[in-house]
Protein backbone atom coordinates (compact mmCIF):
# COMPACT_ATOMS: atom_id res chain seq x y z
CA MET A 1 142.07 62.91 -15.63
CA PHE A 2 138.75 62.06 -13.32
CA PHE A 3 135.95 62.90 -15.13
CA LYS A 4 132.51 61.53 -13.38
CA GLN A 5 128.97 62.47 -14.20
CA ILE A 6 126.78 62.19 -11.39
CA GLU A 7 122.90 62.24 -10.91
CA SER A 8 121.84 64.90 -8.59
CA GLY A 9 118.35 64.70 -8.35
CA GLY A 10 116.17 67.40 -9.36
CA ASP A 11 114.69 67.45 -12.82
CA ARG A 12 117.22 64.70 -14.06
CA ASN A 13 120.05 67.31 -13.10
CA TYR A 14 123.58 66.08 -13.61
CA ALA A 15 126.64 67.48 -11.87
CA TYR A 16 130.30 66.98 -12.82
CA LEU A 17 133.33 66.47 -10.71
CA ILE A 18 136.62 66.90 -12.47
CA ALA A 19 139.79 66.33 -11.02
CA CYS A 20 143.50 66.03 -11.81
CA GLU A 21 144.59 62.42 -10.95
CA GLU A 22 148.23 63.49 -10.13
CA THR A 23 147.20 66.49 -7.84
CA LYS A 24 143.96 65.60 -6.72
CA GLU A 25 142.68 69.18 -7.06
CA GLY A 26 139.04 68.99 -8.11
CA ALA A 27 136.28 71.10 -9.54
CA LEU A 28 132.42 70.76 -9.10
CA VAL A 29 130.28 71.68 -11.63
CA ASP A 30 126.66 72.45 -10.84
CA PRO A 31 126.32 70.47 -7.43
CA SER A 32 122.35 71.13 -7.09
CA PRO A 33 119.81 69.89 -6.47
CA ASP A 34 121.04 67.36 -3.88
CA PRO A 35 124.54 68.57 -2.92
CA LEU A 36 125.06 65.21 -0.61
CA LYS A 37 125.14 63.13 -3.55
CA VAL A 38 127.97 64.96 -4.86
CA ILE A 39 129.92 65.30 -1.81
CA LYS A 40 129.87 61.64 -1.11
CA VAL A 41 131.95 60.95 -4.90
CA VAL A 42 134.44 63.78 -3.60
CA ASN A 43 135.03 62.22 -0.44
CA LYS A 44 134.92 58.63 -1.93
CA GLU A 45 137.70 59.75 -4.34
CA GLU A 46 139.53 61.69 -2.15
CA VAL A 47 139.38 64.84 -4.19
CA GLU A 48 140.47 68.38 -2.69
CA ILE A 49 137.81 70.73 -4.52
CA LYS A 50 139.28 74.06 -5.72
CA TYR A 51 136.69 75.19 -7.80
CA ILE A 52 132.63 75.08 -7.61
CA ILE A 53 131.49 76.36 -10.93
CA ASN A 54 127.98 76.77 -12.29
CA THR A 55 127.17 76.65 -15.76
CA HIS A 56 124.39 79.25 -15.40
CA SER A 57 122.55 80.65 -11.95
CA HIS A 58 119.28 78.79 -12.08
CA PHE A 59 118.91 77.50 -8.83
CA ASP A 60 118.61 73.92 -9.66
CA HIS A 61 122.16 74.31 -11.12
CA SER A 62 123.55 76.80 -8.30
CA GLY A 63 121.31 76.07 -5.26
CA GLY A 64 124.12 73.60 -3.76
CA ASN A 65 126.75 76.08 -3.43
CA ASP A 66 125.64 77.47 0.11
CA TYR A 67 125.73 73.83 1.16
CA PHE A 68 129.45 73.92 -0.02
CA ARG A 69 130.34 77.38 1.85
CA ARG A 70 128.77 75.91 5.09
CA ILE A 71 130.95 72.50 5.22
CA GLU A 72 134.93 72.44 5.58
CA MET A 73 136.28 72.11 2.37
CA GLY A 74 140.09 72.31 3.36
CA LYS A 75 141.58 74.91 1.54
CA PRO A 76 139.57 77.79 -0.04
CA VAL A 77 137.35 77.21 -2.49
CA THR A 78 136.71 79.68 -5.55
CA PHE A 79 133.03 80.04 -6.72
CA ILE A 80 132.60 80.58 -10.36
CA ASN A 81 129.70 81.99 -12.08
CA CYS A 82 127.54 81.61 -9.50
CA GLY A 83 125.98 85.46 -9.20
CA GLU A 84 128.01 86.61 -6.23
CA ASP A 85 131.98 85.43 -6.60
CA THR A 86 134.04 84.80 -9.63
CA LYS A 87 132.47 86.03 -13.02
CA ILE A 88 134.19 84.33 -15.81
CA THR A 89 134.87 85.79 -19.47
CA ASP A 90 134.68 84.30 -22.63
CA GLY A 91 137.96 82.41 -23.34
CA LEU A 92 138.87 82.53 -19.61
CA VAL A 93 141.40 79.63 -18.64
CA LEU A 94 142.19 78.34 -15.20
CA ASN A 95 144.42 75.70 -14.35
CA LEU A 96 143.52 72.45 -12.37
CA GLY A 97 146.28 70.83 -11.42
CA LYS A 98 147.80 69.67 -14.76
CA LEU A 99 144.34 69.88 -16.16
CA ILE A 100 142.99 73.56 -18.24
CA LEU A 101 139.63 74.30 -18.07
CA GLU A 102 138.55 76.50 -20.66
CA PHE A 103 135.12 78.66 -20.48
CA ILE A 104 132.74 79.69 -23.16
CA HIS A 105 130.37 82.29 -22.85
CA THR A 106 127.03 80.59 -24.42
CA PRO A 107 123.99 83.18 -23.53
CA GLY A 108 120.62 82.39 -24.85
CA HIS A 109 119.21 80.04 -21.92
CA THR A 110 120.21 82.61 -19.33
CA ALA A 111 122.60 85.57 -20.32
CA ASP A 112 125.21 83.83 -18.11
CA SER A 113 125.26 80.51 -19.25
CA ILE A 114 128.54 78.90 -20.01
CA CYS A 115 129.93 75.96 -21.37
CA ILE A 116 133.41 74.47 -19.80
CA LYS A 117 135.78 72.33 -21.79
CA VAL A 118 138.52 70.40 -20.59
CA LYS A 119 140.67 68.20 -23.15
CA ASN A 120 137.92 66.37 -25.56
CA LYS A 121 134.75 67.03 -22.92
CA LEU A 122 132.26 70.03 -23.10
CA ILE A 123 130.00 70.58 -20.24
CA THR A 124 127.39 72.26 -21.82
CA GLY A 125 124.86 72.94 -18.89
CA ASP A 126 121.03 73.78 -20.28
CA THR A 127 122.76 75.33 -23.83
CA LEU A 128 122.93 71.92 -25.29
CA PHE A 129 121.31 68.34 -24.18
CA VAL A 130 121.46 65.30 -26.35
CA GLY A 131 118.97 65.80 -29.26
CA LYS A 132 117.76 69.19 -27.95
CA ILE A 133 118.76 72.57 -26.56
CA GLY A 134 117.56 74.90 -23.74
CA GLY A 135 114.74 76.82 -23.45
CA THR A 136 114.43 80.62 -24.07
CA TYR A 137 112.09 83.24 -23.15
CA SER A 138 111.89 85.66 -26.25
CA GLU A 139 113.15 86.02 -29.68
CA GLU A 140 116.02 87.90 -28.25
CA ASP A 141 117.36 84.76 -25.89
CA ALA A 142 116.47 82.74 -28.79
CA ARG A 143 118.85 84.92 -31.04
CA MET A 144 121.51 84.79 -28.35
CA GLU A 145 121.17 81.26 -27.84
CA PHE A 146 121.31 80.59 -31.74
CA GLU A 147 124.84 82.26 -32.10
CA SER A 148 126.11 80.34 -29.03
CA LEU A 149 125.23 77.12 -30.77
CA LYS A 150 126.74 78.30 -33.90
CA LYS A 151 129.91 78.73 -31.65
CA ILE A 152 130.12 75.72 -30.17
CA MET A 153 129.31 73.41 -32.94
CA LYS A 154 132.67 74.70 -34.71
CA LEU A 155 134.70 72.55 -32.21
CA PRO A 156 136.01 69.17 -33.35
CA PRO A 157 133.29 66.46 -34.00
CA ASP A 158 134.87 63.91 -31.60
CA THR A 159 134.25 66.51 -28.59
CA GLU A 160 132.10 64.99 -26.15
CA VAL A 161 129.35 66.72 -25.05
CA TRP A 162 128.20 66.32 -21.30
CA PRO A 163 124.95 68.27 -20.60
CA GLY A 164 122.82 69.23 -17.63
CA HIS A 165 119.73 67.02 -17.77
CA ASN A 166 119.39 63.94 -18.90
CA TYR A 167 116.76 64.92 -21.19
CA GLY A 168 117.92 62.94 -24.31
CA ILE A 169 118.30 59.41 -25.52
CA LYS A 170 121.26 58.52 -23.68
CA PRO A 171 123.45 60.47 -20.93
CA SER A 172 126.11 62.25 -23.37
CA SER A 173 127.16 62.71 -27.04
CA SER A 174 129.50 64.51 -29.32
CA ILE A 175 129.50 67.61 -31.22
CA GLY A 176 129.40 65.29 -34.48
CA PHE A 177 126.27 63.34 -33.16
CA GLU A 178 124.60 66.42 -32.66
CA LEU A 179 125.47 68.00 -36.17
CA THR A 180 123.91 65.03 -37.52
CA SER A 181 121.05 64.32 -35.40
CA ASN A 182 119.87 67.60 -33.55
CA PRO A 183 116.71 68.95 -35.17
CA PHE A 184 117.85 72.44 -33.71
CA ILE A 185 121.35 72.18 -34.58
CA LYS A 186 120.51 71.17 -38.34
CA ARG A 187 118.98 74.73 -38.56
CA LEU A 188 121.98 76.88 -37.33
CA SER A 189 122.04 78.01 -41.11
CA ASN A 190 118.78 80.07 -41.08
CA PHE A 191 117.39 81.72 -37.95
CA ASN A 192 113.89 81.84 -38.49
CA GLU A 193 113.70 78.03 -39.13
CA PHE A 194 115.48 77.78 -35.86
CA LEU A 195 112.95 80.09 -34.33
CA TRP A 196 110.08 78.32 -35.86
CA LEU A 197 111.03 74.93 -34.37
CA LYS A 198 111.72 76.57 -31.13
CA LYS A 199 107.84 77.86 -30.98
CA ASN A 200 106.74 74.18 -32.59
CA TRP A 201 108.49 71.90 -30.52
CA ILE A 202 105.99 70.19 -28.70
CA GLN A 203 104.11 69.56 -32.12
CA TYR A 204 107.55 68.84 -33.78
CA LYS A 205 108.32 66.33 -30.62
CA TYR A 206 104.86 64.57 -30.55
CA GLU A 207 104.79 64.11 -34.80
CA HIS A 208 108.59 62.74 -34.33
CA GLY A 209 108.05 60.54 -31.72
CA ILE A 210 110.80 62.57 -29.24
CA LYS A 211 110.18 62.06 -25.61
């Protein structure tokens, strides 16, 4: 498997290129805000893009879709979860050459948020960052995010976590690392404590020296 995390501009955004090394079929995840940085990697690796996937519909993750619609991509490309083409369902599985992409619906940050699992790697978008989690806009959203995080924390501890932004102390982590170090994940047994931390996150970061 070829797996590449790409710094794609914006607010420390990450895009991802996943490809089957045998067939050269590839998938781009969140190819925004600067799709040119992403296409340079695609061309260098000579990957044939089969899917373009958005972890959620916010523009800094989906805005590059139009660029890839305009350029010649060879075979037809399927756009997934971008608000106008193919929508995913929880548990959906897609073949990418000899690889299998598994989709987990993780609403909270947005209603359409998803995580993508391929082998032992989990692309989490804005659901989970290294040591932090995605923002929400209401108590109802926070409750959905709480349940979504509990779902993905059931994955094996050695599952690698690859977030949608470089907001943490390192570019990636693991489920095990988040279980032991992420203050939000430590509160997944009590929603009121989880919600309190979301409401008081700025002060908590200041008191604990978190950037």
